[in-house]
Amino acid sequence: MEEKIKENKMGVMPVKKLVIDMSLPIMISMLVQALYNVVDSIFVSMLGEAALTAVTVAFPLQNLVISIASGTGVGTNAILSRSLGEKNQDKADQAAGR
C-alpha cells in the first residue's frame, strides 16, 4: 500500500490565498459577534432601561473574554507555525493539543 504524505497547506499554499483562506472565517465570526450585540440591544431595549443597561455593561466584559481567547489563539498559532516551519511535528502536535 502506498502511504500518502500529508502536506501542510501553510507550507505549500501561496501567501495571498492562504491569508484570505484563513482570515475569512475570523472576519465572519467578528461580524456575527458585532451584529449579535446590536440585535440583542434592540430587542432588550424593548424590555426597559435596566435591561439595556445590563447588556451595555456585559458587552465590554464579553469583548474582554473574546480578546483573551483570541490572544491565546494567536500565541498558539505562532508556536504552531514555528514548529511546522522547523519541521518539528512533535512540538506542533503538542501546541495543537493532540
PDB file of N, CA and C in Angstrom:
ATOM      1  N   MET A   1       0.820  -1.188   0.000  1.00  0.00           N
ATOM      2  CA  MET A   1       0.000   0.000   0.000  1.00  0.00           C
ATOM      3  C   MET A   1       0.864   1.251   0.000  1.00  0.00           C
ATOM      4  N   GLU A   2       0.430   2.199  -0.748  1.00  0.00           N
ATOM      5  CA  GLU A   2       1.131   3.483  -0.781  1.00  0.00           C
ATOM      6  C   GLU A   2       0.681   4.356   0.366  1.00  0.00           C
ATOM      7  N   GLU A   3       1.639   4.944   1.054  1.00  0.00           N
ATOM      8  CA  GLU A   3       1.298   5.846   2.152  1.00  0.00           C
ATOM      9  C   GLU A   3       1.291   7.273   1.620  1.00  0.00           C
ATOM     10  N   LYS A   4       0.166   7.941   1.804  1.00  0.00           N
ATOM     11  CA  LYS A   4       0.055   9.327   1.350  1.00  0.00           C
ATOM     12  C   LYS A   4       0.779  10.233   2.324  1.00  0.00           C
ATOM     13  N   ILE A   5       1.602  11.107   1.786  1.00  0.00           N
ATOM     14  CA  ILE A   5       2.264  12.107   2.622  1.00  0.00           C
ATOM     15  C   ILE A   5       1.367  13.327   2.659  1.00  0.00           C
ATOM     16  N   LYS A   6       0.946  13.662   3.859  1.00  0.00           N
ATOM     17  CA  LYS A   6       0.041  14.800   4.037  1.00  0.00           C
ATOM     18  C   LYS A   6       0.868  16.075   4.143  1.00  0.00           C
ATOM     19  N   GLU A   7       0.698  16.978   3.185  1.00  0.00           N
ATOM     20  CA  GLU A   7       1.437  18.241   3.164  1.00  0.00           C
ATOM     21  C   GLU A   7       0.621  19.314   3.861  1.00  0.00           C
ATOM     22  N   ASN A   8       1.280  20.113   4.644  1.00  0.00           N
ATOM     23  CA  ASN A   8       0.645  21.208   5.364  1.00  0.00           C
ATOM     24  C   ASN A   8       0.360  22.353   4.397  1.00  0.00           C
ATOM     25  N   LYS A   9      -0.886  22.845   4.400  1.00  0.00           N
ATOM     26  CA  LYS A   9      -1.239  23.916   3.457  1.00  0.00           C
ATOM     27  C   LYS A   9      -0.474  25.199   3.742  1.00  0.00           C
ATOM     28  N   MET A  10      -0.017  25.404   4.974  1.00  0.00           N
ATOM     29  CA  MET A  10       0.741  26.611   5.289  1.00  0.00           C
ATOM     30  C   MET A  10       2.128  26.581   4.657  1.00  0.00           C
ATOM     31  N   GLY A  11       2.568  25.410   4.259  1.00  0.00           N
ATOM     32  CA  GLY A  11       3.880  25.293   3.637  1.00  0.00           C
ATOM     33  C   GLY A  11       3.849  25.313   2.125  1.00  0.00           C
ATOM     34  N   VAL A  12       2.686  25.100   1.524  1.00  0.00           N
ATOM     35  CA  VAL A  12       2.638  24.981   0.063  1.00  0.00           C
ATOM     36  C   VAL A  12       1.709  25.988  -0.618  1.00  0.00           C
ATOM     37  N   MET A  13       0.733  26.521   0.120  1.00  0.00           N
ATOM     38  CA  MET A  13      -0.238  27.439  -0.475  1.00  0.00           C
ATOM     39  C   MET A  13       0.381  28.834  -0.643  1.00  0.00           C
ATOM     40  N   PRO A  14       0.067  29.530  -1.741  1.00  0.00           N
ATOM     41  CA  PRO A  14       0.560  30.906  -1.901  1.00  0.00           C
ATOM     42  C   PRO A  14       0.086  31.791  -0.750  1.00  0.00           C
ATOM     43  N   VAL A  15       0.940  32.728  -0.333  1.00  0.00           N
ATOM     44  CA  VAL A  15       0.678  33.518   0.866  1.00  0.00           C
ATOM     45  C   VAL A  15      -0.626  34.300   0.763  1.00  0.00           C
ATOM     46  N   LYS A  16      -0.873  34.974  -0.364  1.00  0.00           N
ATOM     47  CA  LYS A  16      -2.078  35.785  -0.505  1.00  0.00           C
ATOM     48  C   LYS A  16      -3.339  34.924  -0.354  1.00  0.00           C
ATOM     49  N   LYS A  17      -3.352  33.780  -1.021  1.00  0.00           N
ATOM     50  CA  LYS A  17      -4.510  32.889  -0.938  1.00  0.00           C
ATOM     51  C   LYS A  17      -4.645  32.317   0.471  1.00  0.00           C
ATOM     52  N   LEU A  18      -3.522  32.014   1.109  1.00  0.00           N
ATOM     53  CA  LEU A  18      -3.533  31.478   2.463  1.00  0.00           C
ATOM     54  C   LEU A  18      -4.091  32.491   3.456  1.00  0.00           C
ATOM     55  N   VAL A  19      -3.678  33.755   3.339  1.00  0.00           N
ATOM     56  CA  VAL A  19      -4.171  34.796   4.247  1.00  0.00           C
ATOM     57  C   VAL A  19      -5.675  34.963   4.083  1.00  0.00           C
ATOM     58  N   ILE A  20      -6.149  35.006   2.858  1.00  0.00           N
ATOM     59  CA  ILE A  20      -7.586  35.146   2.607  1.00  0.00           C
ATOM     60  C   ILE A  20      -8.328  33.917   3.120  1.00  0.00           C
ATOM     61  N   ASP A  21      -7.797  32.740   2.840  1.00  0.00           N
ATOM     62  CA  ASP A  21      -8.428  31.488   3.249  1.00  0.00           C
ATOM     63  C   ASP A  21      -8.542  31.372   4.767  1.00  0.00           C
ATOM     64  N   MET A  22      -7.537  31.829   5.474  1.00  0.00           N
ATOM     65  CA  MET A  22      -7.539  31.697   6.930  1.00  0.00           C
ATOM     66  C   MET A  22      -8.206  32.874   7.640  1.00  0.00           C
ATOM     67  N   SER A  23      -8.286  34.031   6.982  1.00  0.00           N
ATOM     68  CA  SER A  23      -8.854  35.202   7.651  1.00  0.00           C
ATOM     69  C   SER A  23     -10.368  35.329   7.470  1.00  0.00           C
ATOM     70  N   LEU A  24     -10.918  34.786   6.421  1.00  0.00           N
ATOM     71  CA  LEU A  24     -12.356  34.905   6.182  1.00  0.00           C
ATOM     72  C   LEU A  24     -13.216  34.350   7.330  1.00  0.00           C
ATOM     73  N   PRO A  25     -12.943  33.160   7.834  1.00  0.00           N
ATOM     74  CA  PRO A  25     -13.766  32.674   8.950  1.00  0.00           C
ATOM     75  C   PRO A  25     -13.672  33.581  10.179  1.00  0.00           C
ATOM     76  N   ILE A  26     -12.508  34.128  10.440  1.00  0.00           N
ATOM     77  CA  ILE A  26     -12.339  35.015  11.586  1.00  0.00           C
ATOM     78  C   ILE A  26     -13.130  36.303  11.387  1.00  0.00           C
ATOM     79  N   MET A  27     -13.062  36.861  10.189  1.00  0.00           N
ATOM     80  CA  MET A  27     -13.789  38.103   9.911  1.00  0.00           C
ATOM     81  C   MET A  27     -15.297  37.886  10.003  1.00  0.00           C
ATOM     82  N   ILE A  28     -15.771  36.770   9.503  1.00  0.00           N
ATOM     83  CA  ILE A  28     -17.204  36.474   9.581  1.00  0.00           C
ATOM     84  C   ILE A  28     -17.623  36.298  11.038  1.00  0.00           C
ATOM     85  N   SER A  29     -16.790  35.643  11.820  1.00  0.00           N
ATOM     86  CA  SER A  29     -17.076  35.459  13.241  1.00  0.00           C
ATOM     87  C   SER A  29     -17.172  36.800  13.972  1.00  0.00           C
ATOM     88  N   MET A  30     -16.256  37.707  13.676  1.00  0.00           N
ATOM     89  CA  MET A  30     -16.282  39.020  14.327  1.00  0.00           C
ATOM     90  C   MET A  30     -17.508  39.825  13.899  1.00  0.00           C
ATOM     91  N   LEU A  31     -17.899  39.709  12.636  1.00  0.00           N
ATOM     92  CA  LEU A  31     -19.085  40.404  12.144  1.00  0.00           C
ATOM     93  C   LEU A  31     -20.340  39.868  12.830  1.00  0.00           C
ATOM     94  N   VAL A  32     -20.439  38.563  12.949  1.00  0.00           N
ATOM     95  CA  VAL A  32     -21.591  37.962  13.625  1.00  0.00           C
ATOM     96  C   VAL A  32     -21.641  38.406  15.082  1.00  0.00           C
ATOM     97  N   GLN A  33     -20.486  38.465  15.727  1.00  0.00           N
ATOM     98  CA  GLN A  33     -20.435  38.895  17.122  1.00  0.00           C
ATOM     99  C   GLN A  33     -20.917  40.336  17.276  1.00  0.00           C
ATOM    100  N   ALA A  34     -20.471  41.222  16.394  1.00  0.00           N
ATOM    101  CA  ALA A  34     -20.892  42.627  16.454  1.00  0.00           C
ATOM    102  C   ALA A  34     -22.387  42.758  16.163  1.00  0.00           C
ATOM    103  N   LEU A  35     -22.867  42.037  15.170  1.00  0.00           N
ATOM    104  CA  LEU A  35     -24.296  42.083  14.839  1.00  0.00           C
ATOM    105  C   LEU A  35     -25.138  41.500  15.971  1.00  0.00           C
ATOM    106  N   TYR A  36     -24.614  40.486  16.633  1.00  0.00           N
ATOM    107  CA  TYR A  36     -25.324  39.898  17.763  1.00  0.00           C
ATOM    108  C   TYR A  36     -25.555  40.951  18.844  1.00  0.00           C
ATOM    109  N   ASN A  37     -24.534  41.753  19.124  1.00  0.00           N
ATOM    110  CA  ASN A  37     -24.673  42.784  20.150  1.00  0.00           C
ATOM    111  C   ASN A  37     -25.694  43.848  19.745  1.00  0.00           C
ATOM    112  N   VAL A  38     -25.672  44.255  18.494  1.00  0.00           N
ATOM    113  CA  VAL A  38     -26.620  45.269  18.027  1.00  0.00           C
ATOM    114  C   VAL A  38     -28.054  44.750  18.104  1.00  0.00           C
ATOM    115  N   VAL A  39     -28.277  43.565  17.576  1.00  0.00           N
ATOM    116  CA  VAL A  39     -29.622  42.980  17.579  1.00  0.00           C
ATOM    117  C   VAL A  39     -30.079  42.718  19.015  1.00  0.00           C
ATOM    118  N   ASP A  40     -29.177  42.231  19.836  1.00  0.00           N
ATOM    119  CA  ASP A  40     -29.503  41.985  21.240  1.00  0.00           C
ATOM    120  C   ASP A  40     -29.914  43.285  21.938  1.00  0.00           C
ATOM    121  N   SER A  41     -29.185  44.348  21.677  1.00  0.00           N
ATOM    122  CA  SER A  41     -29.516  45.647  22.285  1.00  0.00           C
ATOM    123  C   SER A  41     -30.895  46.141  21.833  1.00  0.00           C
ATOM    124  N   ILE A  42     -31.219  45.954  20.582  1.00  0.00           N
ATOM    125  CA  ILE A  42     -32.521  46.392  20.066  1.00  0.00           C
ATOM    126  C   ILE A  42     -33.659  45.653  20.770  1.00  0.00           C
ATOM    127  N   PHE A  43     -33.540  44.328  20.858  1.00  0.00           N
ATOM    128  CA  PHE A  43     -34.618  43.554  21.478  1.00  0.00           C
ATOM    129  C   PHE A  43     -34.690  43.763  22.986  1.00  0.00           C
ATOM    130  N   VAL A  44     -33.538  43.849  23.629  1.00  0.00           N
ATOM    131  CA  VAL A  44     -33.529  44.022  25.079  1.00  0.00           C
ATOM    132  C   VAL A  44     -34.042  45.405  25.463  1.00  0.00           C
ATOM    133  N   SER A  45     -33.810  46.390  24.610  1.00  0.00           N
ATOM    134  CA  SER A  45     -34.283  47.747  24.922  1.00  0.00           C
ATOM    135  C   SER A  45     -35.817  47.810  25.009  1.00  0.00           C
ATOM    136  N   MET A  46     -36.482  46.852  24.380  1.00  0.00           N
ATOM    137  CA  MET A  46     -37.938  46.810  24.472  1.00  0.00           C
ATOM    138  C   MET A  46     -38.414  46.392  25.869  1.00  0.00           C
ATOM    139  N   LEU A  47     -37.526  45.742  26.632  1.00  0.00           N
ATOM    140  CA  LEU A  47     -37.874  45.308  27.986  1.00  0.00           C
ATOM    141  C   LEU A  47     -37.749  46.438  29.008  1.00  0.00           C
ATOM    142  N   GLY A  48     -36.896  47.399  28.704  1.00  0.00           N
ATOM    143  CA  GLY A  48     -36.748  48.521  29.627  1.00  0.00           C
ATOM    144  C   GLY A  48     -35.313  49.007  29.721  1.00  0.00           C
ATOM    145  N   GLU A  49     -35.169  50.090  30.457  1.00  0.00           N
ATOM    146  CA  GLU A  49     -33.873  50.741  30.584  1.00  0.00           C
ATOM    147  C   GLU A  49     -32.870  49.888  31.364  1.00  0.00           C
ATOM    148  N   ALA A  50     -33.338  49.229  32.407  1.00  0.00           N
ATOM    149  CA  ALA A  50     -32.442  48.405  33.230  1.00  0.00           C
ATOM    150  C   ALA A  50     -31.872  47.236  32.421  1.00  0.00           C
ATOM    151  N   ALA A  51     -32.687  46.633  31.588  1.00  0.00           N
ATOM    152  CA  ALA A  51     -32.233  45.514  30.761  1.00  0.00           C
ATOM    153  C   ALA A  51     -31.188  45.986  29.751  1.00  0.00           C
ATOM    154  N   LEU A  52     -31.425  47.145  29.149  1.00  0.00           N
ATOM    155  CA  LEU A  52     -30.447  47.686  28.197  1.00  0.00           C
ATOM    156  C   LEU A  52     -29.150  48.048  28.902  1.00  0.00           C
ATOM    157  N   THR A  53     -29.228  48.551  30.119  1.00  0.00           N
ATOM    158  CA  THR A  53     -28.033  48.864  30.895  1.00  0.00           C
ATOM    159  C   THR A  53     -27.235  47.596  31.175  1.00  0.00           C
ATOM    160  N   ALA A  54     -27.921  46.515  31.492  1.00  0.00           N
ATOM    161  CA  ALA A  54     -27.241  45.241  31.747  1.00  0.00           C
ATOM    162  C   ALA A  54     -26.498  44.753  30.508  1.00  0.00           C
ATOM    163  N   VAL A  55     -27.133  44.864  29.358  1.00  0.00           N
ATOM    164  CA  VAL A  55     -26.482  44.454  28.115  1.00  0.00           C
ATOM    165  C   VAL A  55     -25.296  45.364  27.820  1.00  0.00           C
ATOM    166  N   THR A  56     -25.450  46.656  28.098  1.00  0.00           N
ATOM    167  CA  THR A  56     -24.373  47.614  27.849  1.00  0.00           C
ATOM    168  C   THR A  56     -23.170  47.323  28.742  1.00  0.00           C
ATOM    169  N   VAL A  57     -23.406  46.891  29.963  1.00  0.00           N
ATOM    170  CA  VAL A  57     -22.309  46.548  30.874  1.00  0.00           C
ATOM    171  C   VAL A  57     -21.675  45.210  30.472  1.00  0.00           C
ATOM    172  N   ALA A  58     -22.477  44.284  30.009  1.00  0.00           N
ATOM    173  CA  ALA A  58     -21.972  42.954  29.668  1.00  0.00           C
ATOM    174  C   ALA A  58     -21.134  42.956  28.392  1.00  0.00           C
ATOM    175  N   PHE A  59     -21.415  43.873  27.477  1.00  0.00           N
ATOM    176  CA  PHE A  59     -20.714  43.868  26.188  1.00  0.00           C
ATOM    177  C   PHE A  59     -19.201  44.042  26.336  1.00  0.00           C
ATOM    178  N   PRO A  60     -18.703  45.014  27.115  1.00  0.00           N
ATOM    179  CA  PRO A  60     -17.238  45.115  27.262  1.00  0.00           C
ATOM    180  C   PRO A  60     -16.619  43.886  27.928  1.00  0.00           C
ATOM    181  N   LEU A  61     -17.329  43.289  28.882  1.00  0.00           N
ATOM    182  CA  LEU A  61     -16.817  42.073  29.510  1.00  0.00           C
ATOM    183  C   LEU A  61     -16.739  40.926  28.504  1.00  0.00           C
ATOM    184  N   GLN A  62     -17.742  40.865  27.662  1.00  0.00           N
ATOM    185  CA  GLN A  62     -17.755  39.849  26.620  1.00  0.00           C
ATOM    186  C   GLN A  62     -16.588  40.076  25.652  1.00  0.00           C
ATOM    187  N   ASN A  63     -16.330  41.319  25.297  1.00  0.00           N
ATOM    188  CA  ASN A  63     -15.193  41.634  24.426  1.00  0.00           C
ATOM    189  C   ASN A  63     -13.871  41.285  25.091  1.00  0.00           C
ATOM    190  N   LEU A  64     -13.770  41.490  26.395  1.00  0.00           N
ATOM    191  CA  LEU A  64     -12.551  41.142  27.121  1.00  0.00           C
ATOM    192  C   LEU A  64     -12.285  39.642  27.048  1.00  0.00           C
ATOM    193  N   VAL A  65     -13.306  38.856  27.277  1.00  0.00           N
ATOM    194  CA  VAL A  65     -13.154  37.399  27.207  1.00  0.00           C
ATOM    195  C   VAL A  65     -12.767  36.970  25.793  1.00  0.00           C
ATOM    196  N   ILE A  66     -13.396  37.567  24.803  1.00  0.00           N
ATOM    197  CA  ILE A  66     -13.085  37.231  23.413  1.00  0.00           C
ATOM    198  C   ILE A  66     -11.650  37.624  23.078  1.00  0.00           C
ATOM    199  N   SER A  67     -11.195  38.788  23.556  1.00  0.00           N
ATOM    200  CA  SER A  67      -9.834  39.224  23.248  1.00  0.00           C
ATOM    201  C   SER A  67      -8.803  38.326  23.919  1.00  0.00           C
ATOM    202  N   ILE A  68      -9.073  37.866  25.129  1.00  0.00           N
ATOM    203  CA  ILE A  68      -8.151  36.939  25.791  1.00  0.00           C
ATOM    204  C   ILE A  68      -8.082  35.625  25.015  1.00  0.00           C
ATOM    205  N   ALA A  69      -9.229  35.127  24.596  1.00  0.00           N
ATOM    206  CA  ALA A  69      -9.260  33.886  23.818  1.00  0.00           C
ATOM    207  C   ALA A  69      -8.557  34.064  22.469  1.00  0.00           C
ATOM    208  N   SER A  70      -8.759  35.205  21.827  1.00  0.00           N
ATOM    209  CA  SER A  70      -8.097  35.468  20.543  1.00  0.00           C
ATOM    210  C   SER A  70      -6.587  35.578  20.726  1.00  0.00           C
ATOM    211  N   GLY A  71      -6.176  36.246  21.783  1.00  0.00           N
ATOM    212  CA  GLY A  71      -4.744  36.359  22.056  1.00  0.00           C
ATOM    213  C   GLY A  71      -4.106  35.008  22.296  1.00  0.00           C
ATOM    214  N   THR A  72      -4.803  34.152  23.026  1.00  0.00           N
ATOM    215  CA  THR A  72      -4.305  32.797  23.259  1.00  0.00           C
ATOM    216  C   THR A  72      -4.213  32.031  21.939  1.00  0.00           C
ATOM    217  N   GLY A  73      -5.216  32.221  21.094  1.00  0.00           N
ATOM    218  CA  GLY A  73      -5.204  31.570  19.780  1.00  0.00           C
ATOM    219  C   GLY A  73      -4.067  32.047  18.900  1.00  0.00           C
ATOM    220  N   VAL A  74      -3.795  33.338  18.929  1.00  0.00           N
ATOM    221  CA  VAL A  74      -2.695  33.894  18.129  1.00  0.00           C
ATOM    222  C   VAL A  74      -1.355  33.355  18.633  1.00  0.00           C
ATOM    223  N   GLY A  75      -1.206  33.296  19.955  1.00  0.00           N
ATOM    224  CA  GLY A  75       0.027  32.752  20.523  1.00  0.00           C
ATOM    225  C   GLY A  75       0.226  31.291  20.166  1.00  0.00           C
ATOM    226  N   THR A  76      -0.842  30.528  20.255  1.00  0.00           N
ATOM    227  CA  THR A  76      -0.770  29.113  19.884  1.00  0.00           C
ATOM    228  C   THR A  76      -0.442  28.962  18.410  1.00  0.00           C
ATOM    229  N   ASN A  77      -1.040  29.821  17.585  1.00  0.00           N
ATOM    230  CA  ASN A  77      -0.768  29.775  16.148  1.00  0.00           C
ATOM    231  C   ASN A  77       0.696  30.092  15.864  1.00  0.00           C
ATOM    232  N   ALA A  78       1.288  31.033  16.604  1.00  0.00           N
ATOM    233  CA  ALA A  78       2.693  31.373  16.401  1.00  0.00           C
ATOM    234  C   ALA A  78       3.591  30.182  16.743  1.00  0.00           C
ATOM    235  N   ILE A  79       3.295  29.536  17.867  1.00  0.00           N
ATOM    236  CA  ILE A  79       4.079  28.356  18.246  1.00  0.00           C
ATOM    237  C   ILE A  79       3.919  27.248  17.215  1.00  0.00           C
ATOM    238  N   LEU A  80       2.682  27.054  16.771  1.00  0.00           N
ATOM    239  CA  LEU A  80       2.390  26.020  15.783  1.00  0.00           C
ATOM    240  C   LEU A  80       3.106  26.299  14.463  1.00  0.00           C
ATOM    241  N   SER A  81       3.071  27.544  14.013  1.00  0.00           N
ATOM    242  CA  SER A  81       3.716  27.913  12.754  1.00  0.00           C
ATOM    243  C   SER A  81       5.224  27.724  12.823  1.00  0.00           C
ATOM    244  N   ARG A  82       5.811  28.135  13.936  1.00  0.00           N
ATOM    245  CA  ARG A  82       7.263  27.962  14.085  1.00  0.00           C
ATOM    246  C   ARG A  82       7.625  26.476  14.077  1.00  0.00           C
ATOM    247  N   SER A  83       6.831  25.700  14.791  1.00  0.00           N
ATOM    248  CA  SER A  83       7.122  24.265  14.866  1.00  0.00           C
ATOM    249  C   SER A  83       6.998  23.607  13.501  1.00  0.00           C
ATOM    250  N   LEU A  84       5.975  23.974  12.748  1.00  0.00           N
ATOM    251  CA  LEU A  84       5.806  23.400  11.410  1.00  0.00           C
ATOM    252  C   LEU A  84       6.911  23.868  10.472  1.00  0.00           C
ATOM    253  N   GLY A  85       7.334  25.127  10.625  1.00  0.00           N
ATOM    254  CA  GLY A  85       8.433  25.637   9.811  1.00  0.00           C
ATOM    255  C   GLY A  85       9.743  24.927  10.109  1.00  0.00           C
ATOM    256  N   GLU A  86       9.934  24.550  11.360  1.00  0.00           N
ATOM    257  CA  GLU A  86      11.129  23.812  11.765  1.00  0.00           C
ATOM    258  C   GLU A  86      11.000  22.317  11.466  1.00  0.00           C
ATOM    259  N   LYS A  87       9.849  21.912  10.960  1.00  0.00           N
ATOM    260  CA  LYS A  87       9.526  20.508  10.688  1.00  0.00           C
ATOM    261  C   LYS A  87       9.601  19.668  11.966  1.00  0.00           C
ATOM    262  N   ASN A  88       9.199  20.291  13.085  1.00  0.00           N
ATOM    263  CA  ASN A  88       9.154  19.622  14.384  1.00  0.00           C
ATOM    264  C   ASN A  88       7.705  19.222  14.651  1.00  0.00           C
ATOM    265  N   GLN A  89       7.327  18.065  14.140  1.00  0.00           N
ATOM    266  CA  GLN A  89       5.938  17.619  14.209  1.00  0.00           C
ATOM    267  C   GLN A  89       5.488  17.338  15.636  1.00  0.00           C
ATOM    268  N   ASP A  90       6.390  16.835  16.471  1.00  0.00           N
ATOM    269  CA  ASP A  90       6.016  16.544  17.858  1.00  0.00           C
ATOM    270  C   ASP A  90       5.628  17.818  18.607  1.00  0.00           C
ATOM    271  N   LYS A  91       6.430  18.875  18.443  1.00  0.00           N
ATOM    272  CA  LYS A  91       6.128  20.149  19.099  1.00  0.00           C
ATOM    273  C   LYS A  91       4.843  20.745  18.526  1.00  0.00           C
ATOM    274  N   ALA A  92       4.635  20.613  17.214  1.00  0.00           N
ATOM    275  CA  ALA A  92       3.411  21.119  16.579  1.00  0.00           C
ATOM    276  C   ALA A  92       2.191  20.365  17.107  1.00  0.00           C
ATOM    277  N   ASP A  93       2.300  19.065  17.242  1.00  0.00           N
ATOM    278  CA  ASP A  93       1.191  18.279  17.793  1.00  0.00           C
ATOM    279  C   ASP A  93       0.882  18.698  19.232  1.00  0.00           C
ATOM    280  N   GLN A  94       1.935  18.948  19.998  1.00  0.00           N
ATOM    281  CA  GLN A  94       1.748  19.373  21.390  1.00  0.00           C
ATOM    282  C   GLN A  94       1.080  20.742  21.444  1.00  0.00           C
ATOM    283  N   ALA A  95       1.485  21.661  20.563  1.00  0.00           N
ATOM    284  CA  ALA A  95       0.880  23.003  20.531  1.00  0.00           C
ATOM    285  C   ALA A  95      -0.578  22.944  20.104  1.00  0.00           C
ATOM    286  N   ALA A  96      -0.887  22.004  19.211  1.00  0.00           N
ATOM    287  CA  ALA A  96      -2.260  21.850  18.721  1.00  0.00           C
ATOM    288  C   ALA A  96      -3.118  21.068  19.703  1.00  0.00           C
ATOM    289  N   GLY A  97      -2.506  20.513  20.728  1.00  0.00           N
ATOM    290  CA  GLY A  97      -3.276  19.785  21.735  1.00  0.00           C
ATOM    291  C   GLY A  97      -3.606  18.377  21.339  1.00  0.00           C
ATOM    292  N   ARG A  98      -2.825  17.817  20.433  1.00  0.00           N
ATOM    293  CA  ARG A  98      -3.079  16.430  20.002  1.00  0.00           C
ATOM    294  C   ARG A  98      -2.316  15.468  20.853  1.00  0.00           C
TER     295      ARG A  98
END
